[in-house]
Amino acid sequence: MRPEDILELLRLHPFEPFRLHLSDGASYEIWHPDMAIVQRSKVIVAVPGPEGPDGPAEGVVHCSLSHITRTEPADRSGMTA
């Protein structure tokens, strides 16, 4: 996947939460544009803590763009806050 593909999703107005799927089977949900930093070869994703996406991040994961297999809209019913 190209950095521009992710940036396009992050810049949608209004923003629409989405999920990144990786080649190892992992997936990460982006509930807010500030939850992801796009670099040339990877996306750094904030992992929400127990308070959900509106609270402080518990950590981050580095997702290589070459391992992102697809994106899809995130299911809002699974969102906690």
C-alpha atoms as a PDB file:
ATOM      1  CA  MET A   1       0.000   0.000   0.000  1.00  0.00           C
ATOM      2  CA  ARG A   2       1.202   3.539  -0.691  1.00  0.00           C
ATOM      3  CA  PRO A   3       1.480   6.243   1.983  1.00  0.00           C
ATOM      4  CA  GLU A   4      -0.921   8.353  -0.071  1.00  0.00           C
ATOM      5  CA  ASP A   5      -3.619   5.672   0.253  1.00  0.00           C
ATOM      6  CA  ILE A   6      -3.575   5.919   4.049  1.00  0.00           C
ATOM      7  CA  LEU A   7      -3.254   9.714   4.039  1.00  0.00           C
ATOM      8  CA  GLU A   8      -6.346   9.934   1.854  1.00  0.00           C
ATOM      9  CA  LEU A   9      -8.356   7.976   4.446  1.00  0.00           C
ATOM     10  CA  LEU A  10      -6.998  10.082   7.308  1.00  0.00           C
ATOM     11  CA  ARG A  11      -7.893  13.335   5.533  1.00  0.00           C
ATOM     12  CA  LEU A  12     -11.509  12.476   4.714  1.00  0.00           C
ATOM     13  CA  HIS A  13     -13.915  15.095   5.979  1.00  0.00           C
ATOM     14  CA  PRO A  14     -15.885  14.072   7.854  1.00  0.00           C
ATOM     15  CA  PHE A  15     -13.434  11.437   9.044  1.00  0.00           C
ATOM     16  CA  GLU A  16     -14.610   7.831   8.768  1.00  0.00           C
ATOM     17  CA  PRO A  17     -12.960   5.289  11.112  1.00  0.00           C
ATOM     18  CA  PHE A  18     -11.230   2.441   9.305  1.00  0.00           C
ATOM     19  CA  ARG A  19      -9.383  -0.803   9.953  1.00  0.00           C
ATOM     20  CA  LEU A  20      -5.952  -1.787   8.627  1.00  0.00           C
ATOM     21  CA  HIS A  21      -5.437  -5.495   7.863  1.00  0.00           C
ATOM     22  CA  LEU A  22      -1.882  -6.837   7.820  1.00  0.00           C
ATOM     23  CA  SER A  23      -0.399  -9.865   6.081  1.00  0.00           C
ATOM     24  CA  ASP A  24       0.189 -11.644   9.424  1.00  0.00           C
ATOM     25  CA  GLY A  25      -3.552 -11.539  10.197  1.00  0.00           C
ATOM     26  CA  ALA A  26      -3.366  -8.623  12.653  1.00  0.00           C
ATOM     27  CA  SER A  27      -5.726  -5.691  12.287  1.00  0.00           C
ATOM     28  CA  TYR A  28      -5.787  -2.217  13.846  1.00  0.00           C
ATOM     29  CA  GLU A  29      -8.649   0.248  14.034  1.00  0.00           C
ATOM     30  CA  ILE A  30      -8.120   3.947  13.442  1.00  0.00           C
ATOM     31  CA  TRP A  31     -10.915   5.834  15.264  1.00  0.00           C
ATOM     32  CA  HIS A  32      -9.424   9.313  14.869  1.00  0.00           C
ATOM     33  CA  PRO A  33      -6.923  10.794  12.402  1.00  0.00           C
ATOM     34  CA  ASP A  34      -4.517  11.528  15.276  1.00  0.00           C
ATOM     35  CA  MET A  35      -4.216   7.784  15.945  1.00  0.00           C
ATOM     36  CA  ALA A  36      -1.930   7.247  12.932  1.00  0.00           C
ATOM     37  CA  ILE A  37       1.312   8.748  11.706  1.00  0.00           C
ATOM     38  CA  VAL A  38       2.143   7.954   8.091  1.00  0.00           C
ATOM     39  CA  GLN A  39       5.789   7.682   7.090  1.00  0.00           C
ATOM     40  CA  ARG A  40       7.282   6.670   3.745  1.00  0.00           C
ATOM     41  CA  SER A  41       7.428   2.959   4.531  1.00  0.00           C
ATOM     42  CA  LYS A  42       5.221   2.483   7.600  1.00  0.00           C
ATOM     43  CA  VAL A  43       2.239   3.663   9.603  1.00  0.00           C
ATOM     44  CA  ILE A  44       2.621   4.145  13.344  1.00  0.00           C
ATOM     45  CA  VAL A  45      -0.709   3.333  14.991  1.00  0.00           C
ATOM     46  CA  ALA A  46      -1.678   4.326  18.546  1.00  0.00           C
ATOM     47  CA  VAL A  47      -3.179   1.409  20.472  1.00  0.00           C
ATOM     48  CA  PRO A  48      -5.999   2.626  22.737  1.00  0.00           C
ATOM     49  CA  GLY A  49      -5.787   1.934  26.456  1.00  0.00           C
ATOM     50  CA  PRO A  50      -8.633   0.814  28.722  1.00  0.00           C
ATOM     51  CA  GLU A  51     -10.441   4.150  28.320  1.00  0.00           C
ATOM     52  CA  GLY A  52     -10.863   3.562  24.591  1.00  0.00           C
ATOM     53  CA  PRO A  53      -9.866   5.773  21.674  1.00  0.00           C
ATOM     54  CA  ASP A  54     -10.681   8.986  23.563  1.00  0.00           C
ATOM     55  CA  GLY A  55      -8.232   8.199  26.378  1.00  0.00           C
ATOM     56  CA  PRO A  56      -4.450   7.956  26.433  1.00  0.00           C
ATOM     57  CA  ALA A  57      -2.764   5.417  24.182  1.00  0.00           C
ATOM     58  CA  GLU A  58      -1.478   2.231  25.730  1.00  0.00           C
ATOM     59  CA  GLY A  59       1.283   1.960  23.151  1.00  0.00           C
ATOM     60  CA  VAL A  60       2.034   2.061  19.456  1.00  0.00           C
ATOM     61  CA  VAL A  61       2.571  -0.474  16.699  1.00  0.00           C
ATOM     62  CA  HIS A  62       4.642   0.022  13.570  1.00  0.00           C
ATOM     63  CA  CYS A  63       2.879  -1.332  10.474  1.00  0.00           C
ATOM     64  CA  SER A  64       4.972  -1.703   7.340  1.00  0.00           C
ATOM     65  CA  LEU A  65       3.053  -0.359   4.351  1.00  0.00           C
ATOM     66  CA  SER A  66       4.182  -3.392   2.352  1.00  0.00           C
ATOM     67  CA  HIS A  67       2.331  -5.627   4.843  1.00  0.00           C
ATOM     68  CA  ILE A  68      -0.974  -3.746   4.822  1.00  0.00           C
ATOM     69  CA  THR A  69      -3.177  -5.957   2.686  1.00  0.00           C
ATOM     70  CA  ARG A  70      -6.390  -3.939   2.778  1.00  0.00           C
ATOM     71  CA  THR A  71      -8.430  -1.316   4.577  1.00  0.00           C
ATOM     72  CA  GLU A  72     -12.116  -1.356   5.415  1.00  0.00           C
ATOM     73  CA  PRO A  73     -14.554   0.813   7.367  1.00  0.00           C
ATOM     74  CA  ALA A  74     -14.407   0.178  11.120  1.00  0.00           C
ATOM     75  CA  ASP A  75     -17.515  -1.121  12.852  1.00  0.00           C
ATOM     76  CA  ARG A  76     -18.698   1.746  15.064  1.00  0.00           C
ATOM     77  CA  SER A  77     -20.655  -0.652  17.274  1.00  0.00           C
ATOM     78  CA  GLY A  78     -17.345  -2.007  18.607  1.00  0.00           C
ATOM     79  CA  MET A  79     -16.089   1.432  19.597  1.00  0.00           C
ATOM     80  CA  THR A  80     -15.648   1.989  23.333  1.00  0.00           C
ATOM     81  CA  ALA A  81     -15.124   5.314  25.054  1.00  0.00           C
END
